[in-house]
């Protein structure tokens, strides 16, 4: 329940032109970054988040948001601040936070309405 809004938020991110580096798990061999897993202990990507969402693995929207934020945190931790990937992560992070704030407001209003009907 209420995960339809999360699905929509994820779709907005995946359709963004900057989303491609974050769509699947980082492959340190293909990308020639052998130290990736030494630096990043909890890898996360938008494809994995989509699969978890489809399988109902998130308990609520905040649980979902923490995985989304982990994608950006990892990108910003591993990549230099002005690198393309860091700039892309920051752009998508800002977009997500703006959309997530709206989503939270909508869910709060929906919960109030549901409570008045109970």
N, C-alpha and C. Protein backbone atom coordinates (compact mmCIF):
# COMPACT_ATOMS: atom_id res chain seq x y z
N UNK A 1 0.84 -1.21 0.00
CA UNK A 1 0.00 0.00 0.00
C UNK A 1 0.87 1.25 0.00
N UNK A 2 0.37 2.28 -0.58
CA UNK A 2 1.09 3.57 -0.68
C UNK A 2 2.40 3.49 -1.44
N UNK A 3 2.69 2.33 -2.01
CA UNK A 3 3.95 2.19 -2.72
C UNK A 3 3.81 2.61 -4.18
N UNK A 4 2.57 2.87 -4.61
CA UNK A 4 2.36 3.36 -5.97
C UNK A 4 3.08 4.69 -6.18
N UNK A 5 3.03 5.55 -5.15
CA UNK A 5 3.72 6.83 -5.23
C UNK A 5 5.22 6.63 -5.31
N UNK A 6 5.74 5.63 -4.61
CA UNK A 6 7.17 5.33 -4.66
C UNK A 6 7.55 4.84 -6.05
N UNK A 7 6.70 4.02 -6.64
CA UNK A 7 6.92 3.52 -7.99
C UNK A 7 6.99 4.71 -8.96
N UNK A 8 6.11 5.65 -8.77
CA UNK A 8 6.07 6.84 -9.61
C UNK A 8 7.34 7.70 -9.42
N UNK A 9 7.78 7.85 -8.18
CA UNK A 9 9.01 8.61 -7.89
C UNK A 9 10.21 7.93 -8.54
N UNK A 10 10.25 6.60 -8.47
CA UNK A 10 11.35 5.85 -9.08
C UNK A 10 11.33 6.00 -10.60
N UNK A 11 10.15 5.96 -11.17
CA UNK A 11 10.00 6.12 -12.62
C UNK A 11 10.52 7.48 -13.08
N UNK A 12 10.20 8.53 -12.32
CA UNK A 12 10.71 9.87 -12.66
C UNK A 12 12.24 9.87 -12.69
N UNK A 13 12.85 9.18 -11.72
CA UNK A 13 14.31 9.12 -11.67
C UNK A 13 14.86 8.33 -12.85
N UNK A 14 14.28 7.16 -13.12
CA UNK A 14 14.83 6.29 -14.16
C UNK A 14 14.65 6.88 -15.55
N UNK A 15 13.67 7.76 -15.72
CA UNK A 15 13.46 8.40 -17.03
C UNK A 15 14.36 9.61 -17.24
N UNK A 16 15.00 10.07 -16.17
CA UNK A 16 15.87 11.25 -16.27
C UNK A 16 17.11 10.89 -17.09
N UNK A 17 17.61 11.84 -17.88
CA UNK A 17 18.76 11.57 -18.75
C UNK A 17 20.04 11.26 -17.98
N UNK A 18 20.08 11.61 -16.71
CA UNK A 18 21.27 11.33 -15.89
C UNK A 18 21.20 9.99 -15.16
N UNK A 19 20.15 9.24 -15.33
CA UNK A 19 19.97 8.03 -14.51
C UNK A 19 20.83 6.84 -14.92
N UNK A 20 21.34 6.83 -16.15
CA UNK A 20 21.99 5.62 -16.67
C UNK A 20 23.12 5.05 -15.79
N UNK A 21 23.97 5.86 -15.13
CA UNK A 21 25.02 5.22 -14.33
C UNK A 21 24.49 4.50 -13.09
N UNK A 22 23.23 4.77 -12.73
CA UNK A 22 22.67 4.27 -11.48
C UNK A 22 21.63 3.17 -11.68
N UNK A 23 21.48 2.70 -12.92
CA UNK A 23 20.41 1.77 -13.24
C UNK A 23 20.69 0.33 -12.83
N UNK A 24 21.96 -0.04 -12.73
CA UNK A 24 22.29 -1.42 -12.34
C UNK A 24 23.48 -1.41 -11.40
N UNK A 25 23.71 -2.53 -10.72
CA UNK A 25 24.83 -2.57 -9.78
C UNK A 25 26.16 -2.19 -10.44
N UNK A 26 26.99 -1.49 -9.68
CA UNK A 26 28.32 -1.11 -10.18
C UNK A 26 29.12 -2.39 -10.43
N UNK A 27 29.74 -2.46 -11.60
CA UNK A 27 30.59 -3.59 -11.96
C UNK A 27 32.05 -3.11 -11.92
N UNK A 28 32.76 -3.37 -10.79
CA UNK A 28 34.12 -2.86 -10.63
C UNK A 28 35.10 -3.37 -11.68
N UNK A 29 34.84 -4.56 -12.24
CA UNK A 29 35.74 -5.12 -13.25
C UNK A 29 35.55 -4.39 -14.57
N UNK A 30 34.29 -4.30 -15.00
CA UNK A 30 33.98 -3.61 -16.25
C UNK A 30 34.43 -2.14 -16.21
N UNK A 31 34.23 -1.51 -15.05
CA UNK A 31 34.55 -0.09 -14.91
C UNK A 31 36.01 0.16 -14.50
N UNK A 32 36.73 -0.94 -14.27
CA UNK A 32 38.14 -0.86 -13.88
C UNK A 32 38.35 -0.02 -12.62
N UNK A 33 37.53 -0.33 -11.62
CA UNK A 33 37.65 0.33 -10.31
C UNK A 33 37.69 -0.76 -9.22
N UNK A 34 38.81 -1.49 -9.15
CA UNK A 34 38.89 -2.66 -8.27
C UNK A 34 38.69 -2.35 -6.78
N UNK A 35 38.86 -1.11 -6.37
CA UNK A 35 38.70 -0.77 -4.95
C UNK A 35 37.27 -0.40 -4.57
N UNK A 36 36.33 -0.48 -5.52
CA UNK A 36 34.96 -0.02 -5.26
C UNK A 36 34.37 -0.61 -3.98
N UNK A 37 34.46 -1.94 -3.84
CA UNK A 37 33.84 -2.58 -2.67
C UNK A 37 34.65 -2.39 -1.39
N UNK A 38 35.88 -1.90 -1.51
CA UNK A 38 36.64 -1.52 -0.31
C UNK A 38 36.09 -0.20 0.24
N UNK A 39 35.65 0.65 -0.66
CA UNK A 39 35.15 1.98 -0.28
C UNK A 39 33.65 1.93 0.01
N UNK A 40 32.90 1.24 -0.84
CA UNK A 40 31.43 1.19 -0.73
C UNK A 40 31.00 -0.16 -0.14
N UNK A 41 30.53 -0.12 1.09
CA UNK A 41 30.17 -1.36 1.80
C UNK A 41 28.74 -1.81 1.54
N UNK A 42 27.86 -0.87 1.20
CA UNK A 42 26.45 -1.19 0.94
C UNK A 42 26.02 -0.69 -0.43
N UNK A 43 26.40 -1.41 -1.49
CA UNK A 43 26.03 -0.94 -2.83
C UNK A 43 24.51 -0.94 -3.03
N UNK A 44 24.04 0.00 -3.83
CA UNK A 44 22.62 0.08 -4.16
C UNK A 44 22.49 0.77 -5.51
N UNK A 45 21.46 0.38 -6.27
CA UNK A 45 21.21 0.97 -7.58
C UNK A 45 19.70 1.02 -7.82
N UNK A 46 19.30 1.80 -8.80
CA UNK A 46 17.87 1.99 -9.08
C UNK A 46 17.18 0.72 -9.56
N UNK A 47 17.90 -0.13 -10.30
CA UNK A 47 17.32 -1.40 -10.76
C UNK A 47 16.99 -2.32 -9.60
N UNK A 48 17.91 -2.40 -8.64
CA UNK A 48 17.69 -3.22 -7.44
C UNK A 48 16.51 -2.66 -6.63
N UNK A 49 16.43 -1.34 -6.53
CA UNK A 49 15.32 -0.71 -5.81
C UNK A 49 14.00 -1.04 -6.50
N UNK A 50 13.98 -0.99 -7.83
CA UNK A 50 12.77 -1.34 -8.58
C UNK A 50 12.33 -2.77 -8.31
N UNK A 51 13.29 -3.68 -8.29
CA UNK A 51 12.98 -5.09 -8.02
C UNK A 51 12.45 -5.28 -6.60
N UNK A 52 13.08 -4.60 -5.64
CA UNK A 52 12.62 -4.69 -4.24
C UNK A 52 11.21 -4.12 -4.09
N UNK A 53 10.95 -3.04 -4.81
CA UNK A 53 9.63 -2.40 -4.77
C UNK A 53 8.57 -3.35 -5.33
N UNK A 54 8.87 -3.97 -6.47
CA UNK A 54 7.95 -4.91 -7.11
C UNK A 54 7.66 -6.11 -6.20
N UNK A 55 8.68 -6.56 -5.47
CA UNK A 55 8.52 -7.72 -4.59
C UNK A 55 7.96 -7.36 -3.21
N UNK A 56 7.65 -6.09 -3.00
CA UNK A 56 7.07 -5.67 -1.71
C UNK A 56 8.04 -5.72 -0.55
N UNK A 57 9.31 -5.48 -0.81
CA UNK A 57 10.34 -5.59 0.23
C UNK A 57 10.46 -4.36 1.13
N UNK A 58 9.82 -3.25 0.76
CA UNK A 58 9.91 -2.04 1.58
C UNK A 58 8.73 -1.95 2.53
N UNK A 59 9.01 -1.64 3.80
CA UNK A 59 7.91 -1.56 4.77
C UNK A 59 7.11 -0.27 4.63
N UNK A 60 7.78 0.80 4.16
CA UNK A 60 7.08 2.07 3.95
C UNK A 60 7.91 2.97 3.03
N UNK A 61 7.39 4.17 2.78
CA UNK A 61 8.07 5.08 1.85
C UNK A 61 9.43 5.56 2.38
N UNK A 62 9.58 5.61 3.70
CA UNK A 62 10.87 6.04 4.26
C UNK A 62 11.95 4.97 4.06
N UNK A 63 11.54 3.73 4.14
CA UNK A 63 12.45 2.60 3.88
C UNK A 63 12.94 2.66 2.42
N UNK A 64 12.01 2.91 1.52
CA UNK A 64 12.31 3.09 0.10
C UNK A 64 13.26 4.27 -0.11
N UNK A 65 12.96 5.39 0.52
CA UNK A 65 13.77 6.61 0.37
C UNK A 65 15.20 6.39 0.87
N UNK A 66 15.37 5.60 1.91
CA UNK A 66 16.72 5.39 2.43
C UNK A 66 17.58 4.64 1.42
N UNK A 67 17.00 3.71 0.65
CA UNK A 67 17.76 3.03 -0.41
C UNK A 67 18.08 3.99 -1.56
N UNK A 68 17.12 4.84 -1.93
CA UNK A 68 17.36 5.83 -2.99
C UNK A 68 18.52 6.73 -2.57
N UNK A 69 18.47 7.20 -1.34
CA UNK A 69 19.53 8.09 -0.84
C UNK A 69 20.88 7.39 -0.79
N UNK A 70 20.86 6.09 -0.54
CA UNK A 70 22.10 5.32 -0.51
C UNK A 70 22.79 5.31 -1.89
N UNK A 71 21.99 5.27 -2.95
CA UNK A 71 22.55 5.32 -4.31
C UNK A 71 23.39 6.59 -4.48
N UNK A 72 22.81 7.73 -4.09
CA UNK A 72 23.51 9.02 -4.25
C UNK A 72 24.70 9.11 -3.30
N UNK A 73 24.50 8.64 -2.06
CA UNK A 73 25.58 8.70 -1.07
C UNK A 73 26.79 7.91 -1.57
N UNK A 74 26.54 6.71 -2.10
CA UNK A 74 27.63 5.89 -2.63
C UNK A 74 28.35 6.59 -3.78
N UNK A 75 27.57 7.16 -4.69
CA UNK A 75 28.16 7.84 -5.85
C UNK A 75 29.01 9.03 -5.40
N UNK A 76 28.51 9.77 -4.43
CA UNK A 76 29.22 10.95 -3.94
C UNK A 76 30.41 10.58 -3.06
N UNK A 77 30.36 9.41 -2.44
CA UNK A 77 31.48 8.94 -1.62
C UNK A 77 32.61 8.45 -2.51
N UNK A 78 32.27 7.71 -3.55
CA UNK A 78 33.31 7.09 -4.39
C UNK A 78 33.91 8.04 -5.42
N UNK A 79 33.10 8.90 -5.99
CA UNK A 79 33.54 9.75 -7.11
C UNK A 79 33.98 11.14 -6.65
N UNK A 80 34.97 11.73 -7.32
CA UNK A 80 35.40 13.09 -6.98
C UNK A 80 34.24 14.08 -7.11
N UNK A 81 34.21 15.12 -6.27
CA UNK A 81 33.07 16.05 -6.21
C UNK A 81 32.63 16.66 -7.54
N UNK A 82 33.55 16.98 -8.42
CA UNK A 82 33.14 17.61 -9.68
C UNK A 82 33.09 16.65 -10.86
N UNK A 83 33.19 15.35 -10.59
CA UNK A 83 33.12 14.37 -11.67
C UNK A 83 31.70 14.32 -12.23
N UNK A 84 31.56 13.81 -13.45
CA UNK A 84 30.24 13.70 -14.08
C UNK A 84 29.28 12.91 -13.20
N UNK A 85 29.74 11.78 -12.68
CA UNK A 85 28.86 10.91 -11.88
C UNK A 85 28.39 11.63 -10.62
N UNK A 86 29.28 12.37 -9.97
CA UNK A 86 28.91 13.11 -8.76
C UNK A 86 27.88 14.20 -9.08
N UNK A 87 28.10 14.91 -10.17
CA UNK A 87 27.16 15.96 -10.58
C UNK A 87 25.80 15.34 -10.92
N UNK A 88 25.81 14.22 -11.61
CA UNK A 88 24.57 13.52 -11.97
C UNK A 88 23.84 13.05 -10.70
N UNK A 89 24.59 12.49 -9.76
CA UNK A 89 24.01 12.01 -8.50
C UNK A 89 23.39 13.16 -7.73
N UNK A 90 24.08 14.28 -7.66
CA UNK A 90 23.58 15.45 -6.93
C UNK A 90 22.30 15.97 -7.58
N UNK A 91 22.29 16.03 -8.90
CA UNK A 91 21.11 16.50 -9.64
C UNK A 91 19.91 15.59 -9.36
N UNK A 92 20.12 14.28 -9.43
CA UNK A 92 19.03 13.33 -9.19
C UNK A 92 18.61 13.34 -7.72
N UNK A 93 19.55 13.52 -6.83
CA UNK A 93 19.24 13.60 -5.40
C UNK A 93 18.32 14.79 -5.13
N UNK A 94 18.66 15.94 -5.70
CA UNK A 94 17.82 17.13 -5.53
C UNK A 94 16.42 16.91 -6.09
N UNK A 95 16.35 16.30 -7.27
CA UNK A 95 15.07 15.99 -7.90
C UNK A 95 14.25 15.05 -7.00
N UNK A 96 14.91 14.01 -6.50
CA UNK A 96 14.21 13.05 -5.64
C UNK A 96 13.69 13.72 -4.37
N UNK A 97 14.52 14.52 -3.71
CA UNK A 97 14.10 15.14 -2.45
C UNK A 97 12.90 16.05 -2.66
N UNK A 98 12.88 16.77 -3.78
CA UNK A 98 11.75 17.64 -4.09
C UNK A 98 10.48 16.80 -4.29
N UNK A 99 10.60 15.73 -5.08
CA UNK A 99 9.46 14.84 -5.34
C UNK A 99 9.03 14.09 -4.08
N UNK A 100 9.99 13.69 -3.26
CA UNK A 100 9.68 12.92 -2.06
C UNK A 100 8.95 13.77 -1.04
N UNK A 101 9.31 15.04 -0.96
CA UNK A 101 8.62 15.96 -0.04
C UNK A 101 7.14 16.04 -0.42
N UNK A 102 6.86 16.16 -1.71
CA UNK A 102 5.47 16.20 -2.22
C UNK A 102 4.77 14.88 -1.91
N UNK A 103 5.46 13.77 -2.16
CA UNK A 103 4.90 12.44 -1.91
C UNK A 103 4.52 12.28 -0.44
N UNK A 104 5.41 12.71 0.46
CA UNK A 104 5.14 12.61 1.91
C UNK A 104 3.91 13.43 2.29
N UNK A 105 3.78 14.62 1.73
CA UNK A 105 2.63 15.49 2.01
C UNK A 105 1.35 14.80 1.54
N UNK A 106 1.38 14.24 0.33
CA UNK A 106 0.20 13.55 -0.21
C UNK A 106 -0.18 12.35 0.66
N UNK A 107 0.81 11.59 1.10
CA UNK A 107 0.52 10.41 1.92
C UNK A 107 -0.02 10.81 3.30
N UNK A 108 0.50 11.90 3.85
CA UNK A 108 -0.01 12.39 5.15
C UNK A 108 -1.48 12.77 5.03
N UNK A 109 -1.82 13.46 3.94
CA UNK A 109 -3.21 13.87 3.72
C UNK A 109 -4.10 12.64 3.51
N UNK A 110 -3.59 11.67 2.76
CA UNK A 110 -4.35 10.45 2.50
C UNK A 110 -4.60 9.69 3.80
N UNK A 111 -3.60 9.62 4.66
CA UNK A 111 -3.75 8.92 5.95
C UNK A 111 -4.76 9.60 6.84
N UNK A 112 -4.78 10.94 6.81
CA UNK A 112 -5.76 11.69 7.61
C UNK A 112 -7.16 11.35 7.14
N UNK A 113 -7.36 11.32 5.83
CA UNK A 113 -8.68 11.00 5.25
C UNK A 113 -9.07 9.58 5.64
N UNK A 114 -8.12 8.63 5.54
CA UNK A 114 -8.42 7.24 5.90
C UNK A 114 -8.80 7.12 7.35
N UNK A 115 -8.14 7.88 8.21
CA UNK A 115 -8.43 7.83 9.66
C UNK A 115 -9.82 8.36 9.96
N UNK A 116 -10.25 9.39 9.25
CA UNK A 116 -11.58 9.95 9.50
C UNK A 116 -12.69 8.99 9.05
N UNK A 117 -12.39 8.08 8.16
CA UNK A 117 -13.37 7.11 7.67
C UNK A 117 -13.42 5.86 8.52
N UNK A 118 -12.44 5.67 9.38
CA UNK A 118 -12.42 4.43 10.18
C UNK A 118 -13.37 4.50 11.35
